[in-house]
Amino acid sequence: MKTWQALYGMIWLCFATLFVAVFDPIPHKGPVHGVLGILVLVLAFRNRAALARSACPSRLKRIGAITAKICVFALLTGAALAVPQLEAHKWIVYAIKALHIFAIAAIVTQTASVATAYDVWEERECEPGPPPAKGAGIPDEGRS
């Protein structure tokens, strides 16, 4: 799998993981959500390694590495939510849920950012092109 495919695939895997978490009719949604979360974690570390091996900008490598660490945090908070003894302490459960949701949001946004930037870098879309022809482009409105 190419790096750009794995990065974009991770975004869709995150959405699938979120869908399972919020869609009630799915049977065994807790274990299914957990397995998908582990797959996100594995893919995050695969993406981190692929970015580290590439010649892409250092910023993308750093964000990929941090995203993998956030995935570990999400896994830990998700596992903590499965501990039945915590149910007696509602405020702790709410705090852990909030941290879990924030981590998931960070994973999706950071992965989307890296995927787009990597794709632009790999396709060399950010390199300067030839100068525009005289008179080309957006006309100046109201100027003479």
Protein backbone atom coordinates (compact mmCIF):
# COMPACT_ATOMS: atom_id res chain seq x y z
CA MET A 1 0.00 0.00 0.00
CA LYS A 2 1.35 3.40 -0.94
CA THR A 3 1.83 5.96 1.82
CA TRP A 4 -0.84 8.32 0.52
CA GLN A 5 -3.31 5.41 0.35
CA ALA A 6 -2.54 4.37 3.91
CA LEU A 7 -2.94 7.96 5.15
CA TYR A 8 -6.30 8.46 3.45
CA GLY A 9 -7.33 4.93 4.44
CA MET A 10 -6.68 5.76 8.07
CA ILE A 11 -9.09 8.69 7.85
CA TRP A 12 -11.84 6.39 6.57
CA LEU A 13 -10.99 3.77 9.18
CA CYS A 14 -11.37 6.45 11.87
CA PHE A 15 -14.78 7.38 10.49
CA ALA A 16 -15.81 3.70 10.49
CA THR A 17 -14.64 3.44 14.11
CA LEU A 18 -16.68 6.50 15.06
CA PHE A 19 -19.72 5.18 13.17
CA VAL A 20 -19.62 1.92 15.08
CA ALA A 21 -19.37 3.81 18.38
CA VAL A 22 -22.45 5.95 17.78
CA PHE A 23 -24.71 3.63 15.74
CA ASP A 24 -26.75 1.64 18.25
CA PRO A 25 -28.07 -1.24 16.06
CA ILE A 26 -24.57 -2.66 15.51
CA PRO A 27 -24.24 -5.90 17.53
CA HIS A 28 -21.22 -6.18 19.83
CA LYS A 29 -20.37 -2.57 19.13
CA GLY A 30 -17.93 -2.27 22.04
CA PRO A 31 -15.62 -5.07 20.87
CA VAL A 32 -16.00 -4.06 17.20
CA HIS A 33 -15.10 -0.47 18.11
CA GLY A 34 -12.10 -1.75 20.06
CA VAL A 35 -10.83 -3.90 17.18
CA LEU A 36 -11.21 -0.99 14.74
CA GLY A 37 -9.40 1.25 17.22
CA ILE A 38 -6.50 -1.22 17.34
CA LEU A 39 -6.41 -1.23 13.53
CA VAL A 40 -6.21 2.59 13.58
CA LEU A 41 -3.30 2.32 16.03
CA VAL A 42 -1.47 -0.21 13.81
CA LEU A 43 -2.03 1.92 10.72
CA ALA A 44 -0.84 5.04 12.57
CA PHE A 45 2.46 3.35 13.42
CA ARG A 46 2.75 2.04 9.85
CA ASN A 47 2.19 5.57 8.54
CA ARG A 48 4.70 7.00 10.98
CA ALA A 49 7.35 4.55 9.76
CA ALA A 50 6.54 5.21 6.09
CA LEU A 51 6.78 8.96 6.61
CA ALA A 52 10.07 8.57 8.48
CA ARG A 53 11.54 6.61 5.55
CA SER A 54 10.40 9.14 2.98
CA ALA A 55 12.01 12.42 1.96
CA CYS A 56 8.85 14.35 2.87
CA PRO A 57 9.11 17.55 4.95
CA SER A 58 10.05 17.10 8.61
CA ARG A 59 6.80 18.70 9.73
CA LEU A 60 4.84 15.78 8.24
CA LYS A 61 7.13 13.30 9.96
CA ARG A 62 6.63 15.04 13.31
CA ILE A 63 2.85 15.18 12.95
CA GLY A 64 2.77 11.51 11.91
CA ALA A 65 4.80 10.57 15.00
CA ILE A 66 2.59 12.61 17.33
CA THR A 67 -0.54 11.12 15.75
CA ALA A 68 0.73 7.63 16.54
CA LYS A 69 1.27 8.69 20.17
CA ILE A 70 -2.24 10.17 20.32
CA CYS A 71 -3.53 6.80 19.07
CA VAL A 72 -1.87 5.11 22.04
CA PHE A 73 -3.56 7.64 24.33
CA ALA A 74 -6.93 6.96 22.64
CA LEU A 75 -6.41 3.23 23.09
CA LEU A 76 -5.61 3.69 26.79
CA THR A 77 -8.61 5.94 27.43
CA GLY A 78 -10.84 3.54 25.48
CA ALA A 79 -9.59 0.60 27.52
CA ALA A 80 -10.17 2.55 30.72
CA LEU A 81 -13.80 3.05 29.70
CA ALA A 82 -14.21 -0.73 29.63
CA VAL A 83 -13.25 -1.06 33.32
CA PRO A 84 -16.51 -1.84 35.15
CA GLN A 85 -15.27 -0.55 38.52
CA LEU A 86 -15.17 3.01 37.12
CA GLU A 87 -18.94 3.03 36.54
CA ALA A 88 -19.42 3.95 40.20
CA HIS A 89 -17.53 7.20 39.58
CA LYS A 90 -19.56 8.97 36.89
CA TRP A 91 -17.41 12.11 36.80
CA ILE A 92 -14.29 10.02 36.11
CA VAL A 93 -16.08 8.22 33.29
CA TYR A 94 -17.19 11.55 31.80
CA ALA A 95 -13.65 12.94 32.00
CA ILE A 96 -12.18 9.83 30.35
CA LYS A 97 -14.87 9.92 27.63
CA ALA A 98 -14.08 13.57 26.94
CA LEU A 99 -10.35 12.81 26.66
CA HIS A 100 -11.12 9.84 24.38
CA ILE A 101 -13.29 11.98 22.10
CA PHE A 102 -10.69 14.78 21.99
CA ALA A 103 -8.01 12.24 21.08
CA ILE A 104 -10.15 10.82 18.28
CA ALA A 105 -10.84 14.31 16.91
CA ALA A 106 -7.10 15.05 17.00
CA ILE A 107 -6.30 11.79 15.20
CA VAL A 108 -8.76 12.51 12.39
CA THR A 109 -7.70 16.13 11.91
CA GLN A 110 -3.97 15.45 12.08
CA THR A 111 -4.20 12.47 9.74
CA ALA A 112 -6.27 14.47 7.25
CA SER A 113 -3.73 17.28 7.42
CA VAL A 114 -0.77 14.96 6.85
CA ALA A 115 -2.56 13.02 4.10
CA THR A 116 -3.32 16.17 2.12
CA ALA A 117 0.12 17.72 2.66
CA TYR A 118 1.88 14.46 1.78
CA ASP A 119 -0.21 14.09 -1.36
CA VAL A 120 0.61 17.67 -2.41
CA TRP A 121 4.30 17.13 -1.66
CA GLU A 122 4.47 13.80 -3.48
CA GLU A 123 2.75 15.19 -6.57
CA ARG A 124 5.01 18.27 -6.45
CA GLU A 125 1.95 20.49 -6.60
CA CYS A 126 3.57 23.13 -4.42
CA GLU A 127 6.50 23.80 -6.71
CA PRO A 128 6.37 27.11 -8.53
CA GLY A 129 5.16 26.92 -12.11
CA PRO A 130 5.86 29.25 -14.98
CA PRO A 131 4.87 32.88 -14.46
CA PRO A 132 1.36 33.71 -15.63
CA ALA A 133 0.95 35.30 -19.02
CA LYS A 134 0.40 39.03 -19.03
CA GLY A 135 -3.28 39.76 -18.61
CA ALA A 136 -4.08 36.23 -17.39
CA GLY A 137 -5.68 35.49 -14.09
CA ILE A 138 -8.38 37.19 -12.11
CA PRO A 139 -9.22 40.66 -13.45
CA ASP A 140 -8.95 43.57 -11.06
CA GLU A 141 -12.49 44.69 -10.38
CA GLY A 142 -13.02 48.40 -9.96
CA ARG A 143 -9.43 49.31 -10.79
CA SER A 144 -8.35 51.13 -13.89
